[in-house]
Amino acid sequence: MITYDEALKKALECCDEFNYFLDQTDAFVFSKKGDMSFGGIAPVAVLKDSGECINYVAFIDGDYDTTIVSEKYI
């Protein structure tokens, strides 16, 4: 299980511009507020169990618990 700080570092490797964060049950999600693109890497989900960066749509479509725990601007 990775920490928020580790996930932030990984997210910066995948996508260098974001201002919004969601803590979901199975992932830390980084994006620009309102950015819900369907291609490319952003928004990016950093899986808590492996630290892998995946596109948010792949996260939602995958077999993950997507319950939102908290959200904030960063």
N, C-alpha and C. Protein backbone atom coordinates (compact mmCIF):
# COMPACT_ATOMS: atom_id res chain seq x y z
N MET A 1 0.85 -1.18 0.00
CA MET A 1 0.00 0.00 0.00
C MET A 1 0.90 1.24 0.00
N ILE A 2 0.64 2.15 -0.94
CA ILE A 2 1.46 3.36 -1.03
C ILE A 2 0.80 4.51 -0.26
N THR A 3 1.59 5.50 0.06
CA THR A 3 1.09 6.68 0.77
C THR A 3 0.69 7.76 -0.24
N TYR A 4 0.03 8.78 0.26
CA TYR A 4 -0.34 9.92 -0.58
C TYR A 4 0.90 10.56 -1.20
N ASP A 5 1.95 10.77 -0.40
CA ASP A 5 3.17 11.41 -0.91
C ASP A 5 3.83 10.59 -2.02
N GLU A 6 3.84 9.27 -1.87
CA GLU A 6 4.39 8.39 -2.91
C GLU A 6 3.52 8.46 -4.16
N ALA A 7 2.21 8.48 -3.98
CA ALA A 7 1.29 8.57 -5.11
C ALA A 7 1.44 9.90 -5.84
N LEU A 8 1.65 10.97 -5.10
CA LEU A 8 1.84 12.28 -5.71
C LEU A 8 3.08 12.29 -6.60
N LYS A 9 4.16 11.69 -6.14
CA LYS A 9 5.39 11.60 -6.94
C LYS A 9 5.13 10.81 -8.22
N LYS A 10 4.43 9.69 -8.10
CA LYS A 10 4.13 8.87 -9.28
C LYS A 10 3.22 9.61 -10.25
N ALA A 11 2.24 10.32 -9.72
CA ALA A 11 1.32 11.07 -10.58
C ALA A 11 2.06 12.15 -11.35
N LEU A 12 3.04 12.79 -10.72
CA LEU A 12 3.82 13.83 -11.39
C LEU A 12 4.67 13.25 -12.53
N GLU A 13 5.02 11.98 -12.45
CA GLU A 13 5.74 11.32 -13.53
C GLU A 13 4.82 11.05 -14.71
N CYS A 14 3.54 10.84 -14.43
CA CYS A 14 2.56 10.51 -15.47
C CYS A 14 1.88 11.74 -16.06
N CYS A 15 1.66 12.73 -15.25
CA CYS A 15 0.92 13.92 -15.67
C CYS A 15 1.44 15.08 -14.84
N ASP A 16 1.99 16.09 -15.50
CA ASP A 16 2.66 17.15 -14.74
C ASP A 16 1.79 18.35 -14.40
N GLU A 17 0.51 18.29 -14.69
CA GLU A 17 -0.34 19.45 -14.39
C GLU A 17 -1.68 18.99 -13.85
N PHE A 18 -1.91 19.26 -12.57
CA PHE A 18 -3.20 18.98 -11.95
C PHE A 18 -3.39 19.89 -10.75
N ASN A 19 -4.64 20.05 -10.34
CA ASN A 19 -4.94 20.90 -9.20
C ASN A 19 -6.03 20.33 -8.31
N TYR A 20 -6.38 19.09 -8.54
CA TYR A 20 -7.49 18.48 -7.83
C TYR A 20 -7.14 17.04 -7.47
N PHE A 21 -7.62 16.61 -6.32
CA PHE A 21 -7.27 15.28 -5.80
C PHE A 21 -8.51 14.60 -5.25
N LEU A 22 -8.67 13.33 -5.59
CA LEU A 22 -9.69 12.48 -5.00
C LEU A 22 -9.00 11.31 -4.31
N ASP A 23 -9.38 11.06 -3.07
CA ASP A 23 -8.94 9.84 -2.39
C ASP A 23 -10.08 8.86 -2.54
N GLN A 24 -9.86 7.82 -3.32
CA GLN A 24 -10.88 6.80 -3.51
C GLN A 24 -10.40 5.52 -2.83
N THR A 25 -11.29 4.61 -2.59
CA THR A 25 -10.96 3.43 -1.81
C THR A 25 -9.74 2.69 -2.35
N ASP A 26 -9.64 2.52 -3.67
CA ASP A 26 -8.54 1.74 -4.26
C ASP A 26 -7.48 2.56 -4.97
N ALA A 27 -7.62 3.91 -5.01
CA ALA A 27 -6.66 4.72 -5.76
C ALA A 27 -6.64 6.16 -5.26
N PHE A 28 -5.51 6.81 -5.51
CA PHE A 28 -5.40 8.25 -5.38
C PHE A 28 -5.56 8.80 -6.79
N VAL A 29 -6.44 9.77 -7.00
CA VAL A 29 -6.74 10.29 -8.33
C VAL A 29 -6.35 11.77 -8.40
N PHE A 30 -5.59 12.12 -9.45
CA PHE A 30 -5.12 13.49 -9.63
C PHE A 30 -5.63 14.01 -10.98
N SER A 31 -6.14 15.26 -10.98
CA SER A 31 -6.67 15.83 -12.22
C SER A 31 -6.76 17.34 -12.09
N LYS A 32 -7.21 17.96 -13.17
CA LYS A 32 -7.65 19.34 -13.10
C LYS A 32 -9.13 19.29 -12.80
N LYS A 33 -9.61 20.15 -11.93
CA LYS A 33 -11.03 20.15 -11.59
C LYS A 33 -11.85 20.26 -12.86
N GLY A 34 -12.78 19.34 -13.06
CA GLY A 34 -13.65 19.35 -14.22
C GLY A 34 -13.09 18.66 -15.44
N ASP A 35 -11.83 18.20 -15.40
CA ASP A 35 -11.20 17.53 -16.54
C ASP A 35 -11.52 16.05 -16.51
N MET A 36 -12.41 15.63 -17.37
CA MET A 36 -12.77 14.21 -17.45
C MET A 36 -12.54 13.71 -18.88
N SER A 37 -11.30 13.80 -19.34
CA SER A 37 -10.97 13.37 -20.70
C SER A 37 -11.09 11.86 -20.82
N PHE A 38 -11.28 11.41 -22.02
CA PHE A 38 -11.42 9.98 -22.27
C PHE A 38 -10.23 9.39 -23.00
N GLY A 39 -9.21 10.18 -23.25
CA GLY A 39 -8.01 9.69 -23.91
C GLY A 39 -6.80 10.25 -23.19
N GLY A 40 -5.66 9.70 -23.47
CA GLY A 40 -4.45 10.18 -22.81
C GLY A 40 -4.35 9.66 -21.39
N ILE A 41 -3.53 10.30 -20.60
CA ILE A 41 -3.27 9.82 -19.26
C ILE A 41 -4.12 10.52 -18.19
N ALA A 42 -4.56 11.75 -18.44
CA ALA A 42 -5.24 12.50 -17.38
C ALA A 42 -6.75 12.37 -17.49
N PRO A 43 -7.46 12.37 -16.40
CA PRO A 43 -6.99 12.26 -15.04
C PRO A 43 -6.27 10.94 -14.80
N VAL A 44 -5.37 10.94 -13.83
CA VAL A 44 -4.58 9.75 -13.55
C VAL A 44 -4.97 9.16 -12.19
N ALA A 45 -5.12 7.86 -12.16
CA ALA A 45 -5.37 7.12 -10.93
C ALA A 45 -4.10 6.37 -10.57
N VAL A 46 -3.63 6.54 -9.35
CA VAL A 46 -2.47 5.80 -8.86
C VAL A 46 -3.02 4.74 -7.91
N LEU A 47 -2.92 3.49 -8.34
CA LEU A 47 -3.49 2.39 -7.57
C LEU A 47 -2.78 2.24 -6.23
N LYS A 48 -3.55 2.15 -5.17
CA LYS A 48 -2.97 2.08 -3.83
C LYS A 48 -2.20 0.79 -3.57
N ASP A 49 -2.64 -0.31 -4.15
CA ASP A 49 -1.97 -1.58 -3.86
C ASP A 49 -0.67 -1.78 -4.62
N SER A 50 -0.55 -1.19 -5.82
CA SER A 50 0.65 -1.44 -6.64
C SER A 50 1.44 -0.18 -6.97
N GLY A 51 0.82 1.00 -6.87
CA GLY A 51 1.48 2.24 -7.25
C GLY A 51 1.45 2.50 -8.74
N GLU A 52 0.77 1.67 -9.50
CA GLU A 52 0.68 1.83 -10.95
C GLU A 52 -0.20 3.03 -11.30
N CYS A 53 0.23 3.82 -12.30
CA CYS A 53 -0.57 4.94 -12.83
C CYS A 53 -1.41 4.43 -13.99
N ILE A 54 -2.71 4.66 -13.92
CA ILE A 54 -3.58 4.31 -15.04
C ILE A 54 -4.54 5.47 -15.30
N ASN A 55 -5.10 5.51 -16.51
CA ASN A 55 -6.09 6.51 -16.85
C ASN A 55 -7.32 6.30 -15.96
N TYR A 56 -7.96 7.40 -15.57
CA TYR A 56 -9.11 7.32 -14.68
C TYR A 56 -10.25 6.50 -15.26
N VAL A 57 -10.45 6.59 -16.56
CA VAL A 57 -11.52 5.81 -17.19
C VAL A 57 -11.23 4.31 -17.06
N ALA A 58 -9.98 3.92 -17.22
CA ALA A 58 -9.61 2.52 -17.04
C ALA A 58 -9.84 2.09 -15.59
N PHE A 59 -9.60 3.01 -14.66
CA PHE A 59 -9.86 2.73 -13.25
C PHE A 59 -11.34 2.50 -13.00
N ILE A 60 -12.17 3.41 -13.53
CA ILE A 60 -13.62 3.29 -13.33
C ILE A 60 -14.15 2.01 -13.98
N ASP A 61 -13.62 1.68 -15.18
CA ASP A 61 -14.09 0.50 -15.90
C ASP A 61 -13.52 -0.80 -15.33
N GLY A 62 -12.48 -0.70 -14.51
CA GLY A 62 -11.84 -1.89 -13.95
C GLY A 62 -12.60 -2.44 -12.76
N ASP A 63 -12.04 -3.45 -12.17
CA ASP A 63 -12.66 -4.13 -11.03
C ASP A 63 -12.11 -3.53 -9.73
N TYR A 64 -12.40 -2.23 -9.52
CA TYR A 64 -11.88 -1.51 -8.36
C TYR A 64 -13.04 -0.91 -7.58
N ASP A 65 -12.81 -0.68 -6.30
CA ASP A 65 -13.78 0.03 -5.47
C ASP A 65 -13.54 1.52 -5.68
N THR A 66 -14.50 2.20 -6.27
CA THR A 66 -14.33 3.60 -6.65
C THR A 66 -15.02 4.57 -5.68
N THR A 67 -15.33 4.11 -4.49
CA THR A 67 -15.96 4.98 -3.52
C THR A 67 -15.05 6.14 -3.15
N ILE A 68 -15.57 7.35 -3.20
CA ILE A 68 -14.79 8.54 -2.86
C ILE A 68 -14.73 8.69 -1.34
N VAL A 69 -13.50 8.76 -0.82
CA VAL A 69 -13.29 8.94 0.62
C VAL A 69 -13.20 10.42 0.95
N SER A 70 -12.44 11.17 0.13
CA SER A 70 -12.31 12.62 0.32
C SER A 70 -11.86 13.25 -0.99
N GLU A 71 -11.95 14.57 -1.05
CA GLU A 71 -11.51 15.31 -2.23
C GLU A 71 -11.06 16.69 -1.81
N LYS A 72 -10.13 17.27 -2.59
CA LYS A 72 -9.64 18.61 -2.26
C LYS A 72 -8.88 19.19 -3.43
N TYR A 73 -8.75 20.51 -3.43
CA TYR A 73 -7.84 21.19 -4.37
C TYR A 73 -6.44 21.10 -3.80
N ILE A 74 -5.47 20.95 -4.69
CA ILE A 74 -4.08 20.90 -4.24
C ILE A 74 -3.25 21.94 -4.99
